[in-house]
Amino acid sequence: MAVVKADLEACQGYANCVVGAEDVFDIDDGGIVVLLRTTINDAERSRVEEAARSCPVSALVVEDQ
């Protein structure tokens, strides 16, 4: 298991993360990331990490729980 974290102040609303993992990330009406889930399983970790790395301002991280 892993934990997904977001730096809401750093988020610029590019939504690259949503493209890669729409079941984990969304963008609210104000243009800020919303974490739909904060815990992910090992089977989806690689996909979610890739989506987090796609953030141009590095506002997202995936860490061991």
PDB file of N, CA and C in Angstrom:
ATOM      1  N   MET A   1       0.841  -1.191   0.000  1.00  0.00           N
ATOM      2  CA  MET A   1       0.000   0.000   0.000  1.00  0.00           C
ATOM      3  C   MET A   1       0.879   1.245   0.000  1.00  0.00           C
ATOM      4  N   ALA A   2       0.338   2.312  -0.568  1.00  0.00           N
ATOM      5  CA  ALA A   2       1.041   3.583  -0.616  1.00  0.00           C
ATOM      6  C   ALA A   2       0.047   4.710  -0.370  1.00  0.00           C
ATOM      7  N   VAL A   3       0.591   5.865  -0.016  1.00  0.00           N
ATOM      8  CA  VAL A   3      -0.212   7.048   0.272  1.00  0.00           C
ATOM      9  C   VAL A   3       0.087   8.111  -0.778  1.00  0.00           C
ATOM     10  N   VAL A   4      -0.966   8.758  -1.266  1.00  0.00           N
ATOM     11  CA  VAL A   4      -0.838   9.844  -2.231  1.00  0.00           C
ATOM     12  C   VAL A   4      -1.025  11.154  -1.479  1.00  0.00           C
ATOM     13  N   LYS A   5      -0.113  12.103  -1.713  1.00  0.00           N
ATOM     14  CA  LYS A   5      -0.192  13.411  -1.064  1.00  0.00           C
ATOM     15  C   LYS A   5      -0.103  14.508  -2.118  1.00  0.00           C
ATOM     16  N   ALA A   6      -0.770  15.629  -1.836  1.00  0.00           N
ATOM     17  CA  ALA A   6      -0.768  16.763  -2.756  1.00  0.00           C
ATOM     18  C   ALA A   6      -0.408  18.041  -2.017  1.00  0.00           C
ATOM     19  N   ASP A   7       0.408  18.858  -2.655  1.00  0.00           N
ATOM     20  CA  ASP A   7       0.725  20.197  -2.160  1.00  0.00           C
ATOM     21  C   ASP A   7      -0.248  21.147  -2.850  1.00  0.00           C
ATOM     22  N   LEU A   8      -1.325  21.476  -2.156  1.00  0.00           N
ATOM     23  CA  LEU A   8      -2.390  22.275  -2.751  1.00  0.00           C
ATOM     24  C   LEU A   8      -1.943  23.687  -3.102  1.00  0.00           C
ATOM     25  N   GLU A   9      -0.969  24.209  -2.391  1.00  0.00           N
ATOM     26  CA  GLU A   9      -0.468  25.547  -2.700  1.00  0.00           C
ATOM     27  C   GLU A   9       0.394  25.553  -3.952  1.00  0.00           C
ATOM     28  N   ALA A  10       1.043  24.448  -4.244  1.00  0.00           N
ATOM     29  CA  ALA A  10       1.888  24.359  -5.436  1.00  0.00           C
ATOM     30  C   ALA A  10       1.073  24.066  -6.696  1.00  0.00           C
ATOM     31  N   CYS A  11      -0.062  23.400  -6.543  1.00  0.00           N
ATOM     32  CA  CYS A  11      -0.864  22.985  -7.693  1.00  0.00           C
ATOM     33  C   CYS A  11      -1.269  24.184  -8.547  1.00  0.00           C
ATOM     34  N   GLN A  12      -1.071  24.032  -9.859  1.00  0.00           N
ATOM     35  CA  GLN A  12      -1.435  25.076 -10.821  1.00  0.00           C
ATOM     36  C   GLN A  12      -2.625  24.659 -11.689  1.00  0.00           C
ATOM     37  N   GLY A  13      -3.160  23.469 -11.462  1.00  0.00           N
ATOM     38  CA  GLY A  13      -4.341  23.016 -12.188  1.00  0.00           C
ATOM     39  C   GLY A  13      -4.095  22.543 -13.608  1.00  0.00           C
ATOM     40  N   TYR A  14      -2.895  22.078 -13.909  1.00  0.00           N
ATOM     41  CA  TYR A  14      -2.601  21.589 -15.262  1.00  0.00           C
ATOM     42  C   TYR A  14      -3.401  20.337 -15.614  1.00  0.00           C
ATOM     43  N   ALA A  15      -3.778  19.559 -14.634  1.00  0.00           N
ATOM     44  CA  ALA A  15      -4.602  18.350 -14.785  1.00  0.00           C
ATOM     45  C   ALA A  15      -3.903  17.193 -15.487  1.00  0.00           C
ATOM     46  N   ASN A  16      -2.590  17.232 -15.608  1.00  0.00           N
ATOM     47  CA  ASN A  16      -1.861  16.096 -16.182  1.00  0.00           C
ATOM     48  C   ASN A  16      -2.108  14.839 -15.357  1.00  0.00           C
ATOM     49  N   CYS A  17      -2.215  14.994 -14.064  1.00  0.00           N
ATOM     50  CA  CYS A  17      -2.432  13.858 -13.170  1.00  0.00           C
ATOM     51  C   CYS A  17      -3.769  13.176 -13.450  1.00  0.00           C
ATOM     52  N   VAL A  18      -4.772  13.961 -13.777  1.00  0.00           N
ATOM     53  CA  VAL A  18      -6.102  13.419 -14.043  1.00  0.00           C
ATOM     54  C   VAL A  18      -6.065  12.521 -15.277  1.00  0.00           C
ATOM     55  N   VAL A  19      -5.316  12.925 -16.278  1.00  0.00           N
ATOM     56  CA  VAL A  19      -5.204  12.133 -17.505  1.00  0.00           C
ATOM     57  C   VAL A  19      -4.637  10.751 -17.201  1.00  0.00           C
ATOM     58  N   GLY A  20      -3.664  10.686 -16.303  1.00  0.00           N
ATOM     59  CA  GLY A  20      -3.012   9.418 -15.996  1.00  0.00           C
ATOM     60  C   GLY A  20      -3.701   8.564 -14.956  1.00  0.00           C
ATOM     61  N   ALA A  21      -4.513   9.184 -14.106  1.00  0.00           N
ATOM     62  CA  ALA A  21      -5.160   8.424 -13.021  1.00  0.00           C
ATOM     63  C   ALA A  21      -6.440   9.142 -12.584  1.00  0.00           C
ATOM     64  N   GLU A  22      -7.427   9.113 -13.446  1.00  0.00           N
ATOM     65  CA  GLU A  22      -8.673   9.835 -13.154  1.00  0.00           C
ATOM     66  C   GLU A  22      -9.456   9.249 -11.990  1.00  0.00           C
ATOM     67  N   ASP A  23      -9.105   8.054 -11.569  1.00  0.00           N
ATOM     68  CA  ASP A  23      -9.761   7.448 -10.414  1.00  0.00           C
ATOM     69  C   ASP A  23      -9.130   7.892  -9.093  1.00  0.00           C
ATOM     70  N   VAL A  24      -7.998   8.605  -9.178  1.00  0.00           N
ATOM     71  CA  VAL A  24      -7.294   9.071  -7.982  1.00  0.00           C
ATOM     72  C   VAL A  24      -7.289  10.596  -7.897  1.00  0.00           C
ATOM     73  N   PHE A  25      -7.158  11.265  -9.044  1.00  0.00           N
ATOM     74  CA  PHE A  25      -7.041  12.720  -9.080  1.00  0.00           C
ATOM     75  C   PHE A  25      -8.203  13.361  -9.829  1.00  0.00           C
ATOM     76  N   ASP A  26      -8.582  14.545  -9.387  1.00  0.00           N
ATOM     77  CA  ASP A  26      -9.558  15.377 -10.090  1.00  0.00           C
ATOM     78  C   ASP A  26      -9.129  16.821  -9.883  1.00  0.00           C
ATOM     79  N   ILE A  27      -9.754  17.729 -10.596  1.00  0.00           N
ATOM     80  CA  ILE A  27      -9.491  19.159 -10.443  1.00  0.00           C
ATOM     81  C   ILE A  27     -10.802  19.828 -10.053  1.00  0.00           C
ATOM     82  N   ASP A  28     -10.777  20.636  -8.997  1.00  0.00           N
ATOM     83  CA  ASP A  28     -12.002  21.298  -8.546  1.00  0.00           C
ATOM     84  C   ASP A  28     -12.289  22.542  -9.385  1.00  0.00           C
ATOM     85  N   ASP A  29     -13.392  23.209  -9.097  1.00  0.00           N
ATOM     86  CA  ASP A  29     -13.799  24.392  -9.856  1.00  0.00           C
ATOM     87  C   ASP A  29     -12.805  25.532  -9.746  1.00  0.00           C
ATOM     88  N   GLY A  30     -11.991  25.522  -8.704  1.00  0.00           N
ATOM     89  CA  GLY A  30     -10.976  26.552  -8.523  1.00  0.00           C
ATOM     90  C   GLY A  30      -9.655  26.219  -9.195  1.00  0.00           C
ATOM     91  N   GLY A  31      -9.592  25.058  -9.858  1.00  0.00           N
ATOM     92  CA  GLY A  31      -8.386  24.669 -10.572  1.00  0.00           C
ATOM     93  C   GLY A  31      -7.326  24.009  -9.712  1.00  0.00           C
ATOM     94  N   ILE A  32      -7.736  23.428  -8.594  1.00  0.00           N
ATOM     95  CA  ILE A  32      -6.797  22.783  -7.672  1.00  0.00           C
ATOM     96  C   ILE A  32      -7.089  21.284  -7.622  1.00  0.00           C
ATOM     97  N   VAL A  33      -6.029  20.501  -7.495  1.00  0.00           N
ATOM     98  CA  VAL A  33      -6.175  19.049  -7.454  1.00  0.00           C
ATOM     99  C   VAL A  33      -7.014  18.609  -6.254  1.00  0.00           C
ATOM    100  N   VAL A  34      -7.803  17.578  -6.485  1.00  0.00           N
ATOM    101  CA  VAL A  34      -8.580  16.920  -5.438  1.00  0.00           C
ATOM    102  C   VAL A  34      -8.151  15.456  -5.440  1.00  0.00           C
ATOM    103  N   LEU A  35      -7.810  14.946  -4.278  1.00  0.00           N
ATOM    104  CA  LEU A  35      -7.469  13.531  -4.158  1.00  0.00           C
ATOM    105  C   LEU A  35      -8.752  12.750  -3.911  1.00  0.00           C
ATOM    106  N   LEU A  36      -9.133  11.933  -4.868  1.00  0.00           N
ATOM    107  CA  LEU A  36     -10.335  11.122  -4.723  1.00  0.00           C
ATOM    108  C   LEU A  36     -10.092   9.951  -3.780  1.00  0.00           C
ATOM    109  N   ARG A  37      -8.829   9.530  -3.705  1.00  0.00           N
ATOM    110  CA  ARG A  37      -8.385   8.490  -2.771  1.00  0.00           C
ATOM    111  C   ARG A  37      -6.982   8.860  -2.332  1.00  0.00           C
ATOM    112  N   THR A  38      -6.661   8.592  -1.095  1.00  0.00           N
ATOM    113  CA  THR A  38      -5.305   8.873  -0.617  1.00  0.00           C
ATOM    114  C   THR A  38      -4.486   7.606  -0.426  1.00  0.00           C
ATOM    115  N   THR A  39      -5.128   6.461  -0.479  1.00  0.00           N
ATOM    116  CA  THR A  39      -4.430   5.188  -0.348  1.00  0.00           C
ATOM    117  C   THR A  39      -4.601   4.399  -1.641  1.00  0.00           C
ATOM    118  N   ILE A  40      -3.491   3.863  -2.143  1.00  0.00           N
ATOM    119  CA  ILE A  40      -3.541   3.046  -3.355  1.00  0.00           C
ATOM    120  C   ILE A  40      -2.864   1.708  -3.081  1.00  0.00           C
ATOM    121  N   ASN A  41      -3.233   0.706  -3.854  1.00  0.00           N
ATOM    122  CA  ASN A  41      -2.623  -0.611  -3.661  1.00  0.00           C
ATOM    123  C   ASN A  41      -1.399  -0.770  -4.561  1.00  0.00           C
ATOM    124  N   ASP A  42      -0.646  -1.813  -4.324  1.00  0.00           N
ATOM    125  CA  ASP A  42       0.601  -2.036  -5.053  1.00  0.00           C
ATOM    126  C   ASP A  42       0.381  -2.232  -6.548  1.00  0.00           C
ATOM    127  N   ALA A  43      -0.737  -2.823  -6.934  1.00  0.00           N
ATOM    128  CA  ALA A  43      -1.010  -3.085  -8.346  1.00  0.00           C
ATOM    129  C   ALA A  43      -1.178  -1.803  -9.158  1.00  0.00           C
ATOM    130  N   GLU A  44      -1.649  -0.742  -8.537  1.00  0.00           N
ATOM    131  CA  GLU A  44      -1.867   0.514  -9.261  1.00  0.00           C
ATOM    132  C   GLU A  44      -0.785   1.559  -8.993  1.00  0.00           C
ATOM    133  N   ARG A  45       0.160   1.233  -8.155  1.00  0.00           N
ATOM    134  CA  ARG A  45       1.166   2.212  -7.742  1.00  0.00           C
ATOM    135  C   ARG A  45       1.962   2.785  -8.914  1.00  0.00           C
ATOM    136  N   SER A  46       2.425   1.957  -9.797  1.00  0.00           N
ATOM    137  CA  SER A  46       3.240   2.423 -10.920  1.00  0.00           C
ATOM    138  C   SER A  46       2.482   3.449 -11.764  1.00  0.00           C
ATOM    139  N   ARG A  47       1.223   3.162 -12.052  1.00  0.00           N
ATOM    140  CA  ARG A  47       0.392   4.067 -12.862  1.00  0.00           C
ATOM    141  C   ARG A  47       0.174   5.399 -12.147  1.00  0.00           C
ATOM    142  N   VAL A  48      -0.095   5.350 -10.855  1.00  0.00           N
ATOM    143  CA  VAL A  48      -0.349   6.571 -10.092  1.00  0.00           C
ATOM    144  C   VAL A  48       0.943   7.371  -9.920  1.00  0.00           C
ATOM    145  N   GLU A  49       2.066   6.691  -9.713  1.00  0.00           N
ATOM    146  CA  GLU A  49       3.349   7.392  -9.627  1.00  0.00           C
ATOM    147  C   GLU A  49       3.666   8.107 -10.936  1.00  0.00           C
ATOM    148  N   GLU A  50       3.388   7.458 -12.048  1.00  0.00           N
ATOM    149  CA  GLU A  50       3.621   8.086 -13.350  1.00  0.00           C
ATOM    150  C   GLU A  50       2.745   9.325 -13.509  1.00  0.00           C
ATOM    151  N   ALA A  51       1.494   9.232 -13.099  1.00  0.00           N
ATOM    152  CA  ALA A  51       0.594  10.385 -13.165  1.00  0.00           C
ATOM    153  C   ALA A  51       1.097  11.511 -12.266  1.00  0.00           C
ATOM    154  N   ALA A  52       1.583  11.173 -11.084  1.00  0.00           N
ATOM    155  CA  ALA A  52       2.118  12.182 -10.161  1.00  0.00           C
ATOM    156  C   ALA A  52       3.367  12.844 -10.742  1.00  0.00           C
ATOM    157  N   ARG A  53       4.229  12.052 -11.375  1.00  0.00           N
ATOM    158  CA  ARG A  53       5.446  12.605 -11.992  1.00  0.00           C
ATOM    159  C   ARG A  53       5.131  13.522 -13.169  1.00  0.00           C
ATOM    160  N   SER A  54       3.955  13.371 -13.751  1.00  0.00           N
ATOM    161  CA  SER A  54       3.589  14.212 -14.894  1.00  0.00           C
ATOM    162  C   SER A  54       3.240  15.637 -14.474  1.00  0.00           C
ATOM    163  N   CYS A  55       3.119  15.881 -13.183  1.00  0.00           N
ATOM    164  CA  CYS A  55       2.815  17.226 -12.685  1.00  0.00           C
ATOM    165  C   CYS A  55       4.009  18.148 -12.940  1.00  0.00           C
ATOM    166  N   PRO A  56       3.816  19.212 -13.721  1.00  0.00           N
ATOM    167  CA  PRO A  56       4.937  20.096 -14.047  1.00  0.00           C
ATOM    168  C   PRO A  56       5.463  20.915 -12.870  1.00  0.00           C
ATOM    169  N   VAL A  57       4.705  20.989 -11.778  1.00  0.00           N
ATOM    170  CA  VAL A  57       5.165  21.746 -10.609  1.00  0.00           C
ATOM    171  C   VAL A  57       5.467  20.831  -9.416  1.00  0.00           C
ATOM    172  N   SER A  58       5.494  19.533  -9.663  1.00  0.00           N
ATOM    173  CA  SER A  58       5.831  18.532  -8.634  1.00  0.00           C
ATOM    174  C   SER A  58       4.983  18.670  -7.371  1.00  0.00           C
ATOM    175  N   ALA A  59       3.681  18.842  -7.563  1.00  0.00           N
ATOM    176  CA  ALA A  59       2.772  19.026  -6.433  1.00  0.00           C
ATOM    177  C   ALA A  59       2.272  17.707  -5.842  1.00  0.00           C
ATOM    178  N   LEU A  60       2.649  16.583  -6.443  1.00  0.00           N
ATOM    179  CA  LEU A  60       2.121  15.288  -6.016  1.00  0.00           C
ATOM    180  C   LEU A  60       3.239  14.321  -5.670  1.00  0.00           C
ATOM    181  N   VAL A  61       3.015  13.519  -4.642  1.00  0.00           N
ATOM    182  CA  VAL A  61       3.970  12.471  -4.277  1.00  0.00           C
ATOM    183  C   VAL A  61       3.215  11.202  -3.897  1.00  0.00           C
ATOM    184  N   VAL A  62       3.884  10.081  -4.111  1.00  0.00           N
ATOM    185  CA  VAL A  62       3.386   8.782  -3.676  1.00  0.00           C
ATOM    186  C   VAL A  62       4.450   8.217  -2.750  1.00  0.00           C
ATOM    187  N   GLU A  63       4.046   7.889  -1.522  1.00  0.00           N
ATOM    188  CA  GLU A  63       4.986   7.415  -0.509  1.00  0.00           C
ATOM    189  C   GLU A  63       4.519   6.091   0.067  1.00  0.00           C
ATOM    190  N   ASP A  64       5.472   5.317   0.579  1.00  0.00           N
ATOM    191  CA  ASP A  64       5.119   4.090   1.288  1.00  0.00           C
ATOM    192  C   ASP A  64       4.279   4.429   2.510  1.00  0.00           C
ATOM    193  N   GLN A  65       3.332   3.557   2.794  1.00  0.00           N
ATOM    194  CA  GLN A  65       2.460   3.779   3.948  1.00  0.00           C
ATOM    195  C   GLN A  65       3.093   3.238   5.188  1.00  0.00           C
TER     196      GLN A  65
END
